């Protein structure tokens, strides 16, 4: 897999000032808002049936239990000091800024508050707007392993495959997700 690796932040300064809450969110937990319902419908239309957070564990079928498990996972990350760098994906279709680990993003909000910006936490960016993906290492957050980098890029492409212009128009951000699920914070 070809990729461009850079630690030059010149083209990414505006992204770094974005609040974590203002990044796009790919998941819903409960279908308890109009936006969450729209995200669910558009995601299913493009074949992303894992839109409900916790789908991979199978517990999503019991919403209350799923909520408790997800909240516990975030709290455990914080308690054990295992909050890892957050992957940010810039999609190839619209250039939208997506969170690619919801647990990690929420953990940073819990740790640093609602005003925390991307520049304030450990992140790395995978920019898919060009034919060759660009991985932007910010302050050494990218692991020094080609295998890890290739895996991160593959995951970013997977994230990108679940983006449609209709989904981007809904503009469901982490802020919306947390408003829909306020007891997570």
Protein backbone atom coordinates (compact mmCIF):
# COMPACT_ATOMS: atom_id res chain seq x y z
CA UNK A 1 0.00 0.00 0.00
CA UNK A 2 1.32 3.42 -0.95
CA UNK A 3 0.92 6.35 1.37
CA UNK A 4 2.52 9.68 2.11
CA UNK A 5 3.78 10.19 5.64
CA UNK A 6 4.28 13.72 6.93
CA UNK A 7 4.70 15.65 10.12
CA UNK A 8 4.34 18.97 8.29
CA UNK A 9 1.21 20.57 9.72
CA UNK A 10 1.02 23.58 7.37
CA UNK A 11 -1.99 22.25 5.45
CA UNK A 12 -3.77 21.09 8.61
CA UNK A 13 -3.73 24.09 10.97
CA UNK A 14 -7.43 24.83 10.45
CA UNK A 15 -8.33 21.23 11.25
CA UNK A 16 -6.31 21.29 14.46
CA UNK A 17 -8.41 24.14 15.83
CA UNK A 18 -11.67 22.17 15.39
CA UNK A 19 -13.30 21.13 18.65
CA UNK A 20 -13.61 17.39 19.18
CA UNK A 21 -17.37 17.95 19.59
CA UNK A 22 -17.54 19.40 16.07
CA UNK A 23 -16.14 16.34 14.27
CA UNK A 24 -18.51 14.10 12.34
CA UNK A 25 -19.81 11.00 14.12
CA UNK A 26 -20.57 7.71 12.34
CA UNK A 27 -22.59 6.07 15.13
CA UNK A 28 -25.92 6.44 16.88
CA UNK A 29 -26.84 4.74 20.14
CA UNK A 30 -30.57 5.27 20.45
CA UNK A 31 -32.89 6.44 17.69
CA UNK A 32 -34.14 9.21 19.94
CA UNK A 33 -33.70 12.26 17.69
CA UNK A 34 -34.57 13.18 14.13
CA UNK A 35 -30.89 13.44 13.21
CA UNK A 36 -30.05 10.05 14.72
CA UNK A 37 -32.90 8.45 12.76
CA UNK A 38 -31.68 10.08 9.54
CA UNK A 39 -28.11 8.89 10.17
CA UNK A 40 -29.38 5.39 10.80
CA UNK A 41 -31.49 5.31 7.60
CA UNK A 42 -28.75 6.78 5.37
CA UNK A 43 -26.11 4.46 6.82
CA UNK A 44 -28.22 1.37 6.25
CA UNK A 45 -28.90 2.56 2.68
CA UNK A 46 -25.18 2.50 1.91
CA UNK A 47 -24.69 -0.87 3.59
CA UNK A 48 -23.37 0.22 6.98
CA UNK A 49 -25.43 -1.88 9.36
CA UNK A 50 -22.97 -1.29 12.24
CA UNK A 51 -24.19 2.29 12.64
CA UNK A 52 -25.61 1.46 16.07
CA UNK A 53 -22.74 1.79 18.51
CA UNK A 54 -21.93 -1.58 20.03
CA UNK A 55 -23.04 -3.54 16.97
CA UNK A 56 -19.78 -5.51 16.90
CA UNK A 57 -20.38 -6.88 20.39
CA UNK A 58 -23.93 -7.97 19.62
CA UNK A 59 -25.17 -6.25 22.75
CA UNK A 60 -26.75 -3.44 20.68
CA UNK A 61 -29.94 -5.54 20.60
CA UNK A 62 -30.46 -4.63 24.27
CA UNK A 63 -30.15 -0.81 24.15
CA UNK A 64 -29.99 -0.17 27.90
CA UNK A 65 -27.33 -2.86 28.41
CA UNK A 66 -25.42 -1.55 25.39
CA UNK A 67 -25.41 1.96 26.86
CA UNK A 68 -24.02 0.66 30.17
CA UNK A 69 -21.31 -1.39 28.42
CA UNK A 70 -20.18 1.53 26.23
CA UNK A 71 -20.10 3.94 29.19
CA UNK A 72 -18.14 1.42 31.26
CA UNK A 73 -15.64 0.94 28.42
CA UNK A 74 -14.95 4.70 28.33
CA UNK A 75 -14.63 4.94 32.10
CA UNK A 76 -12.26 1.96 32.15
CA UNK A 77 -10.07 3.59 29.46
CA UNK A 78 -9.78 6.71 31.59
CA UNK A 79 -9.26 4.88 34.91
CA UNK A 80 -6.54 2.63 33.48
CA UNK A 81 -4.97 5.55 31.60
CA UNK A 82 -5.38 3.78 28.26
CA UNK A 83 -6.72 6.67 26.23
CA UNK A 84 -4.90 6.35 22.91
CA UNK A 85 -4.35 8.89 20.13
CA UNK A 86 -7.54 9.70 18.28
CA UNK A 87 -7.62 8.93 14.56
CA UNK A 88 -9.18 11.67 12.45
CA UNK A 89 -10.21 10.77 8.91
CA UNK A 90 -10.75 13.38 6.23
CA UNK A 91 -13.10 11.71 3.78
CA UNK A 92 -12.52 11.56 0.04
CA UNK A 93 -16.03 12.61 -0.96
CA UNK A 94 -16.62 15.91 0.86
CA UNK A 95 -13.51 16.53 2.95
CA UNK A 96 -15.55 16.10 6.14
CA UNK A 97 -13.64 15.53 9.38
CA UNK A 98 -14.66 12.21 10.98
CA UNK A 99 -13.83 10.73 14.37
CA UNK A 100 -12.66 7.17 13.97
CA UNK A 101 -12.91 6.05 17.54
CA UNK A 102 -15.93 7.22 19.45
CA UNK A 103 -14.82 5.76 22.79
CA UNK A 104 -11.54 7.67 22.60
CA UNK A 105 -13.21 10.94 21.57
CA UNK A 106 -15.69 10.77 24.44
CA UNK A 107 -12.92 9.89 26.89
CA UNK A 108 -11.06 13.07 25.89
CA UNK A 109 -14.25 15.13 26.32
CA UNK A 110 -14.69 13.64 29.80
CA UNK A 111 -11.05 14.36 30.66
CA UNK A 112 -10.70 17.88 29.25
CA UNK A 113 -14.20 19.26 28.83
CA UNK A 114 -16.42 20.29 25.96
CA UNK A 115 -14.10 22.97 24.61
CA UNK A 116 -11.16 20.65 23.93
CA UNK A 117 -9.83 21.06 20.38
CA UNK A 118 -8.02 18.50 18.28
CA UNK A 119 -4.74 20.39 18.85
CA UNK A 120 -5.11 19.81 22.61
CA UNK A 121 -5.10 16.00 22.52
CA UNK A 122 -3.00 13.28 20.88
CA UNK A 123 -4.34 12.74 17.36
CA UNK A 124 -3.19 11.75 13.94
CA UNK A 125 -4.90 12.48 10.67
CA UNK A 126 -5.49 10.28 7.66
CA UNK A 127 -6.34 12.47 4.70
CA UNK A 128 -8.09 10.61 1.89
CA UNK A 129 -8.79 13.59 -0.40
CA UNK A 130 -6.03 12.60 -2.84
CA UNK A 131 -5.35 9.37 -4.70
CA UNK A 132 -2.57 8.51 -2.27
CA UNK A 133 -3.57 8.73 1.40
CA UNK A 134 -1.62 11.14 3.57
CA UNK A 135 -0.95 10.18 7.16
CA UNK A 136 -0.21 13.21 9.28
CA UNK A 137 1.84 12.48 12.37
CA UNK A 138 1.22 15.08 15.05
CA UNK A 139 3.87 15.16 17.76
CA UNK A 140 4.88 11.54 17.25
CA UNK A 141 1.44 10.00 17.74
CA UNK A 142 1.78 7.56 14.83
CA UNK A 143 3.32 4.27 15.87
CA UNK A 144 6.63 3.56 14.19
CA UNK A 145 5.34 0.42 12.52
CA UNK A 146 4.48 0.01 8.86
CA UNK A 147 1.98 -2.70 9.85
CA UNK A 148 0.18 -0.33 12.24
CA UNK A 149 0.19 2.47 9.67
CA UNK A 150 -1.19 0.22 6.93
CA UNK A 151 -3.86 -1.07 9.33
CA UNK A 152 -4.83 2.50 10.27
CA UNK A 153 -5.09 3.48 6.61
CA UNK A 154 -7.18 0.40 5.83
CA UNK A 155 -9.50 1.32 8.71
CA UNK A 156 -9.71 4.89 7.37
CA UNK A 157 -10.65 3.59 3.91
CA UNK A 158 -13.29 1.42 5.56
CA UNK A 159 -14.63 4.56 7.33
CA UNK A 160 -14.56 6.41 3.99
CA UNK A 161 -16.56 3.67 2.25
CA UNK A 162 -19.42 4.39 4.65
CA UNK A 163 -19.72 8.06 3.73
CA UNK A 164 -22.28 9.45 1.33
CA UNK A 165 -23.06 13.04 0.45
CA UNK A 166 -26.49 12.54 2.01
CA UNK A 167 -24.92 11.40 5.27
CA UNK A 168 -22.57 14.38 5.31
CA UNK A 169 -25.55 16.72 4.71
CA UNK A 170 -27.18 15.45 7.91
CA UNK A 171 -24.10 16.85 9.67
CA UNK A 172 -24.33 14.53 12.70
CA UNK A 173 -21.45 15.47 14.93
CA UNK A 174 -20.16 14.23 18.26
CA UNK A 175 -22.04 17.18 19.79
CA UNK A 176 -25.32 15.72 18.44
CA UNK A 177 -24.42 12.22 19.59
CA UNK A 178 -23.75 13.44 23.13
CA UNK A 179 -26.92 15.55 23.16
CA UNK A 180 -28.81 12.39 22.22
CA UNK A 181 -26.98 10.39 24.90
CA UNK A 182 -26.18 12.97 27.58
CA UNK A 183 -25.77 10.43 30.37
CA UNK A 184 -22.51 9.28 28.77
CA UNK A 185 -20.77 12.41 30.04
